[in-house]
Amino acid sequence: AAANNGKPDEIVLNPGTYNGPFRYDSTNGDNQPLTIKGASGDSPSSIIVDGGQKGSTLTITDTNPAHTNSHFTVTGITVQSGKAPSSNNKGG
């Protein structure tokens, strides 16, 4: 889990299926970058974050205008089975 400790956070996922949905909100917390990634050398298809059709699979909320697009990184995993709200149909 990400910690409010003043240091950048890195969550490394090993092969398997992680059932969600998952949410991270930095609005009132740590002002540090967050990386969510698959374990080194493992195929993204072996590391699955599954939303179970229960809304957005992975939601990252941040309202700090100083943060850039590189403040949050998700790499080396498969995100699947999100369910878009019927009002915007933008995916999950």
PDB file of N, CA and C in Angstrom:
ATOM      1  N   ALA A   1       0.835  -1.187   0.000  1.00  0.00           N
ATOM      2  CA  ALA A   1       0.000   0.000   0.000  1.00  0.00           C
ATOM      3  C   ALA A   1       0.871   1.238   0.000  1.00  0.00           C
ATOM      4  N   ALA A   2       0.360   2.306  -0.563  1.00  0.00           N
ATOM      5  CA  ALA A   2       1.067   3.576  -0.561  1.00  0.00           C
ATOM      6  C   ALA A   2       1.028   4.170   0.836  1.00  0.00           C
ATOM      7  N   ALA A   3       2.112   4.810   1.237  1.00  0.00           N
ATOM      8  CA  ALA A   3       2.211   5.365   2.581  1.00  0.00           C
ATOM      9  C   ALA A   3       2.343   6.883   2.524  1.00  0.00           C
ATOM     10  N   ASN A   4       1.781   7.560   3.480  1.00  0.00           N
ATOM     11  CA  ASN A   4       1.892   9.002   3.595  1.00  0.00           C
ATOM     12  C   ASN A   4       3.146   9.299   4.418  1.00  0.00           C
ATOM     13  N   ASN A   5       4.328   9.112   3.780  1.00  0.00           N
ATOM     14  CA  ASN A   5       5.582   9.200   4.512  1.00  0.00           C
ATOM     15  C   ASN A   5       6.568  10.210   3.926  1.00  0.00           C
ATOM     16  N   GLY A   6       6.132  11.007   2.943  1.00  0.00           N
ATOM     17  CA  GLY A   6       7.006  12.009   2.352  1.00  0.00           C
ATOM     18  C   GLY A   6       7.991  11.464   1.343  1.00  0.00           C
ATOM     19  N   LYS A   7       7.868  10.184   0.974  1.00  0.00           N
ATOM     20  CA  LYS A   7       8.767   9.557   0.004  1.00  0.00           C
ATOM     21  C   LYS A   7       7.951   9.004  -1.154  1.00  0.00           C
ATOM     22  N   PRO A   8       8.547   8.923  -2.369  1.00  0.00           N
ATOM     23  CA  PRO A   8       7.839   8.294  -3.484  1.00  0.00           C
ATOM     24  C   PRO A   8       7.451   6.857  -3.133  1.00  0.00           C
ATOM     25  N   ASP A   9       6.285   6.437  -3.613  1.00  0.00           N
ATOM     26  CA  ASP A   9       5.793   5.089  -3.337  1.00  0.00           C
ATOM     27  C   ASP A   9       5.829   4.239  -4.603  1.00  0.00           C
ATOM     28  N   GLU A  10       6.143   2.950  -4.419  1.00  0.00           N
ATOM     29  CA  GLU A  10       6.160   1.991  -5.513  1.00  0.00           C
ATOM     30  C   GLU A  10       5.454   0.732  -5.028  1.00  0.00           C
ATOM     31  N   ILE A  11       4.410   0.345  -5.744  1.00  0.00           N
ATOM     32  CA  ILE A  11       3.690  -0.887  -5.454  1.00  0.00           C
ATOM     33  C   ILE A  11       4.036  -1.865  -6.567  1.00  0.00           C
ATOM     34  N   VAL A  12       4.670  -2.976  -6.212  1.00  0.00           N
ATOM     35  CA  VAL A  12       5.081  -3.993  -7.181  1.00  0.00           C
ATOM     36  C   VAL A  12       4.156  -5.191  -7.031  1.00  0.00           C
ATOM     37  N   LEU A  13       3.498  -5.562  -8.134  1.00  0.00           N
ATOM     38  CA  LEU A  13       2.562  -6.688  -8.131  1.00  0.00           C
ATOM     39  C   LEU A  13       3.216  -7.924  -8.727  1.00  0.00           C
ATOM     40  N   ASN A  14       3.136  -9.028  -8.028  1.00  0.00           N
ATOM     41  CA  ASN A  14       3.618 -10.310  -8.523  1.00  0.00           C
ATOM     42  C   ASN A  14       2.542 -10.951  -9.397  1.00  0.00           C
ATOM     43  N   PRO A  15       2.885 -11.968 -10.188  1.00  0.00           N
ATOM     44  CA  PRO A  15       1.894 -12.628 -11.028  1.00  0.00           C
ATOM     45  C   PRO A  15       0.683 -13.101 -10.217  1.00  0.00           C
ATOM     46  N   GLY A  16      -0.479 -12.936 -10.814  1.00  0.00           N
ATOM     47  CA  GLY A  16      -1.725 -13.334 -10.177  1.00  0.00           C
ATOM     48  C   GLY A  16      -2.834 -12.401 -10.598  1.00  0.00           C
ATOM     49  N   THR A  17      -4.015 -12.634 -10.066  1.00  0.00           N
ATOM     50  CA  THR A  17      -5.173 -11.783 -10.343  1.00  0.00           C
ATOM     51  C   THR A  17      -5.546 -11.055  -9.070  1.00  0.00           C
ATOM     52  N   TYR A  18      -5.642  -9.752  -9.171  1.00  0.00           N
ATOM     53  CA  TYR A  18      -6.001  -8.888  -8.052  1.00  0.00           C
ATOM     54  C   TYR A  18      -7.403  -8.361  -8.322  1.00  0.00           C
ATOM     55  N   ASN A  19      -8.355  -8.749  -7.483  1.00  0.00           N
ATOM     56  CA  ASN A  19      -9.750  -8.374  -7.692  1.00  0.00           C
ATOM     57  C   ASN A  19     -10.032  -7.016  -7.071  1.00  0.00           C
ATOM     58  N   GLY A  20     -10.663  -6.152  -7.860  1.00  0.00           N
ATOM     59  CA  GLY A  20     -10.942  -4.790  -7.428  1.00  0.00           C
ATOM     60  C   GLY A  20     -12.417  -4.515  -7.402  1.00  0.00           C
ATOM     61  N   PRO A  21     -12.779  -3.304  -7.554  1.00  0.00           N
ATOM     62  CA  PRO A  21     -12.001  -2.166  -8.043  1.00  0.00           C
ATOM     63  C   PRO A  21     -11.064  -1.579  -6.977  1.00  0.00           C
ATOM     64  N   PHE A  22     -10.092  -0.780  -7.473  1.00  0.00           N
ATOM     65  CA  PHE A  22      -9.096  -0.160  -6.613  1.00  0.00           C
ATOM     66  C   PHE A  22      -9.140   1.352  -6.778  1.00  0.00           C
ATOM     67  N   ARG A  23      -8.920   2.062  -5.668  1.00  0.00           N
ATOM     68  CA  ARG A  23      -8.937   3.518  -5.690  1.00  0.00           C
ATOM     69  C   ARG A  23      -7.745   4.071  -4.906  1.00  0.00           C
ATOM     70  N   TYR A  24      -7.150   5.136  -5.457  1.00  0.00           N
ATOM     71  CA  TYR A  24      -6.083   5.858  -4.772  1.00  0.00           C
ATOM     72  C   TYR A  24      -6.408   7.335  -4.864  1.00  0.00           C
ATOM     73  N   ASP A  25      -6.414   8.029  -3.738  1.00  0.00           N
ATOM     74  CA  ASP A  25      -6.735   9.453  -3.696  1.00  0.00           C
ATOM     75  C   ASP A  25      -5.611  10.184  -2.986  1.00  0.00           C
ATOM     76  N   SER A  26      -4.909  11.033  -3.709  1.00  0.00           N
ATOM     77  CA  SER A  26      -3.805  11.777  -3.104  1.00  0.00           C
ATOM     78  C   SER A  26      -4.212  13.201  -2.753  1.00  0.00           C
ATOM     79  N   THR A  27      -5.476  13.520  -2.889  1.00  0.00           N
ATOM     80  CA  THR A  27      -5.942  14.886  -2.695  1.00  0.00           C
ATOM     81  C   THR A  27      -5.540  15.461  -1.346  1.00  0.00           C
ATOM     82  N   ASN A  28      -5.697  14.701  -0.286  1.00  0.00           N
ATOM     83  CA  ASN A  28      -5.394  15.210   1.048  1.00  0.00           C
ATOM     84  C   ASN A  28      -4.211  14.503   1.693  1.00  0.00           C
ATOM     85  N   GLY A  29      -3.401  13.843   0.894  1.00  0.00           N
ATOM     86  CA  GLY A  29      -2.334  13.040   1.482  1.00  0.00           C
ATOM     87  C   GLY A  29      -0.957  13.448   1.016  1.00  0.00           C
ATOM     88  N   ASP A  30      -0.148  12.462   0.831  1.00  0.00           N
ATOM     89  CA  ASP A  30       1.243  12.606   0.455  1.00  0.00           C
ATOM     90  C   ASP A  30       1.377  13.331  -0.883  1.00  0.00           C
ATOM     91  N   ASN A  31       2.383  14.164  -1.007  1.00  0.00           N
ATOM     92  CA  ASN A  31       2.625  14.910  -2.240  1.00  0.00           C
ATOM     93  C   ASN A  31       3.765  14.268  -3.027  1.00  0.00           C
ATOM     94  N   GLN A  32       3.826  12.942  -3.050  1.00  0.00           N
ATOM     95  CA  GLN A  32       4.912  12.215  -3.695  1.00  0.00           C
ATOM     96  C   GLN A  32       4.393  11.366  -4.854  1.00  0.00           C
ATOM     97  N   PRO A  33       5.256  11.064  -5.826  1.00  0.00           N
ATOM     98  CA  PRO A  33       4.851  10.210  -6.943  1.00  0.00           C
ATOM     99  C   PRO A  33       4.469   8.801  -6.498  1.00  0.00           C
ATOM    100  N   LEU A  34       3.612   8.168  -7.304  1.00  0.00           N
ATOM    101  CA  LEU A  34       3.188   6.790  -7.065  1.00  0.00           C
ATOM    102  C   LEU A  34       3.401   5.991  -8.339  1.00  0.00           C
ATOM    103  N   THR A  35       4.038   4.827  -8.208  1.00  0.00           N
ATOM    104  CA  THR A  35       4.214   3.892  -9.320  1.00  0.00           C
ATOM    105  C   THR A  35       3.575   2.566  -8.931  1.00  0.00           C
ATOM    106  N   ILE A  36       2.731   2.045  -9.817  1.00  0.00           N
ATOM    107  CA  ILE A  36       2.165   0.702  -9.674  1.00  0.00           C
ATOM    108  C   ILE A  36       2.700  -0.084 -10.857  1.00  0.00           C
ATOM    109  N   LYS A  37       3.417  -1.182 -10.586  1.00  0.00           N
ATOM    110  CA  LYS A  37       4.039  -1.904 -11.695  1.00  0.00           C
ATOM    111  C   LYS A  37       4.073  -3.396 -11.441  1.00  0.00           C
ATOM    112  N   GLY A  38       4.223  -4.127 -12.549  1.00  0.00           N
ATOM    113  CA  GLY A  38       4.396  -5.565 -12.465  1.00  0.00           C
ATOM    114  C   GLY A  38       5.820  -5.893 -12.059  1.00  0.00           C
ATOM    115  N   ALA A  39       5.993  -7.050 -11.429  1.00  0.00           N
ATOM    116  CA  ALA A  39       7.321  -7.493 -11.007  1.00  0.00           C
ATOM    117  C   ALA A  39       8.245  -7.616 -12.217  1.00  0.00           C
ATOM    118  N   SER A  40       9.494  -7.290 -12.023  1.00  0.00           N
ATOM    119  CA  SER A  40      10.488  -7.307 -13.085  1.00  0.00           C
ATOM    120  C   SER A  40      10.577  -8.684 -13.735  1.00  0.00           C
ATOM    121  N   GLY A  41      10.551  -8.701 -15.063  1.00  0.00           N
ATOM    122  CA  GLY A  41      10.703  -9.948 -15.803  1.00  0.00           C
ATOM    123  C   GLY A  41       9.422 -10.711 -16.025  1.00  0.00           C
ATOM    124  N   ASP A  42       8.329 -10.308 -15.397  1.00  0.00           N
ATOM    125  CA  ASP A  42       7.053 -11.004 -15.576  1.00  0.00           C
ATOM    126  C   ASP A  42       6.231 -10.330 -16.669  1.00  0.00           C
ATOM    127  N   SER A  43       5.503 -11.138 -17.409  1.00  0.00           N
ATOM    128  CA  SER A  43       4.669 -10.637 -18.487  1.00  0.00           C
ATOM    129  C   SER A  43       3.460  -9.886 -17.927  1.00  0.00           C
ATOM    130  N   PRO A  44       3.105  -8.734 -18.527  1.00  0.00           N
ATOM    131  CA  PRO A  44       1.905  -8.030 -18.087  1.00  0.00           C
ATOM    132  C   PRO A  44       0.648  -8.903 -18.118  1.00  0.00           C
ATOM    133  N   SER A  45       0.612  -9.891 -19.004  1.00  0.00           N
ATOM    134  CA  SER A  45      -0.567 -10.752 -19.083  1.00  0.00           C
ATOM    135  C   SER A  45      -0.671 -11.708 -17.897  1.00  0.00           C
ATOM    136  N   SER A  46       0.400 -11.822 -17.103  1.00  0.00           N
ATOM    137  CA  SER A  46       0.362 -12.694 -15.923  1.00  0.00           C
ATOM    138  C   SER A  46       0.031 -11.920 -14.642  1.00  0.00           C
ATOM    139  N   ILE A  47      -0.111 -10.598 -14.767  1.00  0.00           N
ATOM    140  CA  ILE A  47      -0.407  -9.735 -13.616  1.00  0.00           C
ATOM    141  C   ILE A  47      -1.671  -8.959 -13.964  1.00  0.00           C
ATOM    142  N   ILE A  48      -2.790  -9.398 -13.409  1.00  0.00           N
ATOM    143  CA  ILE A  48      -4.100  -8.884 -13.822  1.00  0.00           C
ATOM    144  C   ILE A  48      -4.769  -8.145 -12.668  1.00  0.00           C
ATOM    145  N   VAL A  49      -5.190  -6.931 -12.946  1.00  0.00           N
ATOM    146  CA  VAL A  49      -6.018  -6.168 -12.020  1.00  0.00           C
ATOM    147  C   VAL A  49      -7.415  -6.187 -12.623  1.00  0.00           C
ATOM    148  N   ASP A  50      -8.342  -6.854 -11.952  1.00  0.00           N
ATOM    149  CA  ASP A  50      -9.677  -7.127 -12.497  1.00  0.00           C
ATOM    150  C   ASP A  50     -10.738  -6.365 -11.709  1.00  0.00           C
ATOM    151  N   GLY A  51     -11.501  -5.544 -12.414  1.00  0.00           N
ATOM    152  CA  GLY A  51     -12.532  -4.739 -11.765  1.00  0.00           C
ATOM    153  C   GLY A  51     -13.834  -5.459 -11.517  1.00  0.00           C
ATOM    154  N   GLY A  52     -13.994  -6.651 -12.066  1.00  0.00           N
ATOM    155  CA  GLY A  52     -15.199  -7.431 -11.827  1.00  0.00           C
ATOM    156  C   GLY A  52     -16.478  -6.757 -12.283  1.00  0.00           C
ATOM    157  N   GLN A  53     -16.374  -5.887 -13.296  1.00  0.00           N
ATOM    158  CA  GLN A  53     -17.553  -5.174 -13.822  1.00  0.00           C
ATOM    159  C   GLN A  53     -18.268  -4.360 -12.737  1.00  0.00           C
ATOM    160  N   LYS A  54     -17.494  -3.828 -11.764  1.00  0.00           N
ATOM    161  CA  LYS A  54     -18.080  -3.076 -10.648  1.00  0.00           C
ATOM    162  C   LYS A  54     -17.778  -1.588 -10.735  1.00  0.00           C
ATOM    163  N   GLY A  55     -17.549  -1.066 -11.918  1.00  0.00           N
ATOM    164  CA  GLY A  55     -17.170   0.339 -12.098  1.00  0.00           C
ATOM    165  C   GLY A  55     -15.758   0.398 -12.635  1.00  0.00           C
ATOM    166  N   SER A  56     -15.116   1.548 -12.477  1.00  0.00           N
ATOM    167  CA  SER A  56     -13.737   1.700 -12.936  1.00  0.00           C
ATOM    168  C   SER A  56     -12.838   0.721 -12.187  1.00  0.00           C
ATOM    169  N   THR A  57     -11.960   0.052 -12.908  1.00  0.00           N
ATOM    170  CA  THR A  57     -11.079  -0.941 -12.303  1.00  0.00           C
ATOM    171  C   THR A  57     -10.032  -0.280 -11.420  1.00  0.00           C
ATOM    172  N   LEU A  58      -9.407   0.780 -11.919  1.00  0.00           N
ATOM    173  CA  LEU A  58      -8.354   1.481 -11.194  1.00  0.00           C
ATOM    174  C   LEU A  58      -8.618   2.971 -11.314  1.00  0.00           C
ATOM    175  N   THR A  59      -8.874   3.622 -10.192  1.00  0.00           N
ATOM    176  CA  THR A  59      -9.147   5.055 -10.179  1.00  0.00           C
ATOM    177  C   THR A  59      -8.073   5.752  -9.367  1.00  0.00           C
ATOM    178  N   ILE A  60      -7.408   6.733  -9.988  1.00  0.00           N
ATOM    179  CA  ILE A  60      -6.412   7.541  -9.298  1.00  0.00           C
ATOM    180  C   ILE A  60      -6.934   8.970  -9.300  1.00  0.00           C
ATOM    181  N   THR A  61      -7.127   9.528  -8.106  1.00  0.00           N
ATOM    182  CA  THR A  61      -7.664  10.868  -7.976  1.00  0.00           C
ATOM    183  C   THR A  61      -6.583  11.793  -7.438  1.00  0.00           C
ATOM    184  N   ASP A  62      -6.411  12.933  -8.116  1.00  0.00           N
ATOM    185  CA  ASP A  62      -5.423  13.913  -7.690  1.00  0.00           C
ATOM    186  C   ASP A  62      -5.878  15.286  -8.180  1.00  0.00           C
ATOM    187  N   THR A  63      -5.995  16.231  -7.293  1.00  0.00           N
ATOM    188  CA  THR A  63      -6.431  17.571  -7.678  1.00  0.00           C
ATOM    189  C   THR A  63      -5.317  18.606  -7.541  1.00  0.00           C
ATOM    190  N   ASN A  64      -4.083  18.168  -7.319  1.00  0.00           N
ATOM    191  CA  ASN A  64      -2.962  19.081  -7.173  1.00  0.00           C
ATOM    192  C   ASN A  64      -2.499  19.540  -8.555  1.00  0.00           C
ATOM    193  N   PRO A  65      -2.661  20.833  -8.879  1.00  0.00           N
ATOM    194  CA  PRO A  65      -2.279  21.314 -10.211  1.00  0.00           C
ATOM    195  C   PRO A  65      -0.773  21.272 -10.469  1.00  0.00           C
ATOM    196  N   ALA A  66       0.033  21.128  -9.429  1.00  0.00           N
ATOM    197  CA  ALA A  66       1.488  21.068  -9.604  1.00  0.00           C
ATOM    198  C   ALA A  66       1.954  19.716 -10.107  1.00  0.00           C
ATOM    199  N   HIS A  67       1.121  18.688  -9.974  1.00  0.00           N
ATOM    200  CA  HIS A  67       1.522  17.353 -10.411  1.00  0.00           C
ATOM    201  C   HIS A  67       1.449  17.255 -11.929  1.00  0.00           C
ATOM    202  N   THR A  68       2.437  16.584 -12.499  1.00  0.00           N
ATOM    203  CA  THR A  68       2.479  16.398 -13.947  1.00  0.00           C
ATOM    204  C   THR A  68       1.924  15.020 -14.295  1.00  0.00           C
ATOM    205  N   ASN A  69       1.847  14.741 -15.580  1.00  0.00           N
ATOM    206  CA  ASN A  69       1.365  13.431 -16.027  1.00  0.00           C
ATOM    207  C   ASN A  69       2.258  12.298 -15.525  1.00  0.00           C
ATOM    208  N   SER A  70       3.512  12.591 -15.202  1.00  0.00           N
ATOM    209  CA  SER A  70       4.418  11.537 -14.745  1.00  0.00           C
ATOM    210  C   SER A  70       4.358  11.335 -13.232  1.00  0.00           C
ATOM    211  N   HIS A  71       3.473  12.030 -12.535  1.00  0.00           N
ATOM    212  CA  HIS A  71       3.373  11.888 -11.085  1.00  0.00           C
ATOM    213  C   HIS A  71       2.839  10.507 -10.704  1.00  0.00           C
ATOM    214  N   PHE A  72       2.010   9.934 -11.574  1.00  0.00           N
ATOM    215  CA  PHE A  72       1.453   8.596 -11.357  1.00  0.00           C
ATOM    216  C   PHE A  72       1.810   7.733 -12.553  1.00  0.00           C
ATOM    217  N   THR A  73       2.342   6.544 -12.279  1.00  0.00           N
ATOM    218  CA  THR A  73       2.749   5.638 -13.348  1.00  0.00           C
ATOM    219  C   THR A  73       2.159   4.259 -13.079  1.00  0.00           C
ATOM    220  N   VAL A  74       1.533   3.686 -14.111  1.00  0.00           N
ATOM    221  CA  VAL A  74       1.041   2.307 -14.057  1.00  0.00           C
ATOM    222  C   VAL A  74       1.664   1.605 -15.255  1.00  0.00           C
ATOM    223  N   THR A  75       2.427   0.532 -14.988  1.00  0.00           N
ATOM    224  CA  THR A  75       3.147  -0.127 -16.071  1.00  0.00           C
ATOM    225  C   THR A  75       3.314  -1.616 -15.797  1.00  0.00           C
ATOM    226  N   GLY A  76       3.327  -2.411 -16.866  1.00  0.00           N
ATOM    227  CA  GLY A  76       3.637  -3.830 -16.750  1.00  0.00           C
ATOM    228  C   GLY A  76       2.542  -4.689 -16.153  1.00  0.00           C
ATOM    229  N   ILE A  77       1.288  -4.232 -16.208  1.00  0.00           N
ATOM    230  CA  ILE A  77       0.162  -5.018 -15.700  1.00  0.00           C
ATOM    231  C   ILE A  77      -0.974  -4.963 -16.716  1.00  0.00           C
ATOM    232  N   THR A  78      -1.929  -5.871 -16.575  1.00  0.00           N
ATOM    233  CA  THR A  78      -3.138  -5.859 -17.385  1.00  0.00           C
ATOM    234  C   THR A  78      -4.286  -5.392 -16.501  1.00  0.00           C
ATOM    235  N   VAL A  79      -4.998  -4.352 -16.953  1.00  0.00           N
ATOM    236  CA  VAL A  79      -6.172  -3.840 -16.247  1.00  0.00           C
ATOM    237  C   VAL A  79      -7.377  -4.243 -17.077  1.00  0.00           C
ATOM    238  N   GLN A  80      -8.332  -4.942 -16.452  1.00  0.00           N
ATOM    239  CA  GLN A  80      -9.463  -5.468 -17.221  1.00  0.00           C
ATOM    240  C   GLN A  80     -10.757  -5.444 -16.416  1.00  0.00           C
ATOM    241  N   SER A  81     -11.845  -5.663 -17.132  1.00  0.00           N
ATOM    242  CA  SER A  81     -13.195  -5.863 -16.580  1.00  0.00           C
ATOM    243  C   SER A  81     -13.713  -4.671 -15.799  1.00  0.00           C
ATOM    244  N   GLY A  82     -13.417  -3.483 -16.299  1.00  0.00           N
ATOM    245  CA  GLY A  82     -14.051  -2.289 -15.745  1.00  0.00           C
ATOM    246  C   GLY A  82     -15.412  -2.116 -16.388  1.00  0.00           C
ATOM    247  N   LYS A  83     -16.258  -1.341 -15.768  1.00  0.00           N
ATOM    248  CA  LYS A  83     -17.590  -1.083 -16.310  1.00  0.00           C
ATOM    249  C   LYS A  83     -17.790   0.419 -16.361  1.00  0.00           C
ATOM    250  N   ALA A  84     -17.959   0.932 -17.570  1.00  0.00           N
ATOM    251  CA  ALA A  84     -18.169   2.359 -17.750  1.00  0.00           C
ATOM    252  C   ALA A  84     -19.554   2.758 -17.251  1.00  0.00           C
ATOM    253  N   PRO A  85     -19.633   3.928 -16.596  1.00  0.00           N
ATOM    254  CA  PRO A  85     -20.966   4.433 -16.267  1.00  0.00           C
ATOM    255  C   PRO A  85     -21.753   4.657 -17.542  1.00  0.00           C
ATOM    256  N   SER A  86     -23.019   4.385 -17.521  1.00  0.00           N
ATOM    257  CA  SER A  86     -23.820   4.494 -18.731  1.00  0.00           C
ATOM    258  C   SER A  86     -23.910   5.931 -19.238  1.00  0.00           C
ATOM    259  N   SER A  87     -23.587   6.912 -18.386  1.00  0.00           N
ATOM    260  CA  SER A  87     -23.726   8.305 -18.794  1.00  0.00           C
ATOM    261  C   SER A  87     -22.589   8.798 -19.674  1.00  0.00           C
ATOM    262  N   ASN A  88     -21.388   8.175 -19.606  1.00  0.00           N
ATOM    263  CA  ASN A  88     -20.292   8.701 -20.426  1.00  0.00           C
ATOM    264  C   ASN A  88     -19.630   7.672 -21.329  1.00  0.00           C
ATOM    265  N   ASN A  89     -19.834   6.393 -21.081  1.00  0.00           N
ATOM    266  CA  ASN A  89     -19.318   5.313 -21.939  1.00  0.00           C
ATOM    267  C   ASN A  89     -17.844   5.479 -22.294  1.00  0.00           C
ATOM    268  N   LYS A  90     -16.994   5.812 -21.328  1.00  0.00           N
ATOM    269  CA  LYS A  90     -15.580   6.015 -21.589  1.00  0.00           C
ATOM    270  C   LYS A  90     -14.707   4.852 -21.141  1.00  0.00           C
ATOM    271  N   GLY A  91     -15.271   3.744 -20.793  1.00  0.00           N
ATOM    272  CA  GLY A  91     -14.465   2.593 -20.406  1.00  0.00           C
ATOM    273  C   GLY A  91     -14.230   2.544 -18.932  1.00  0.00           C
ATOM    274  N   GLY A  92     -13.604   1.475 -18.496  1.00  0.00           N
ATOM    275  CA  GLY A  92     -13.440   1.285 -17.068  1.00  0.00           C
ATOM    276  C   GLY A  92     -12.043   1.056 -16.684  1.00  0.00           C
TER     277      GLY A  92
END
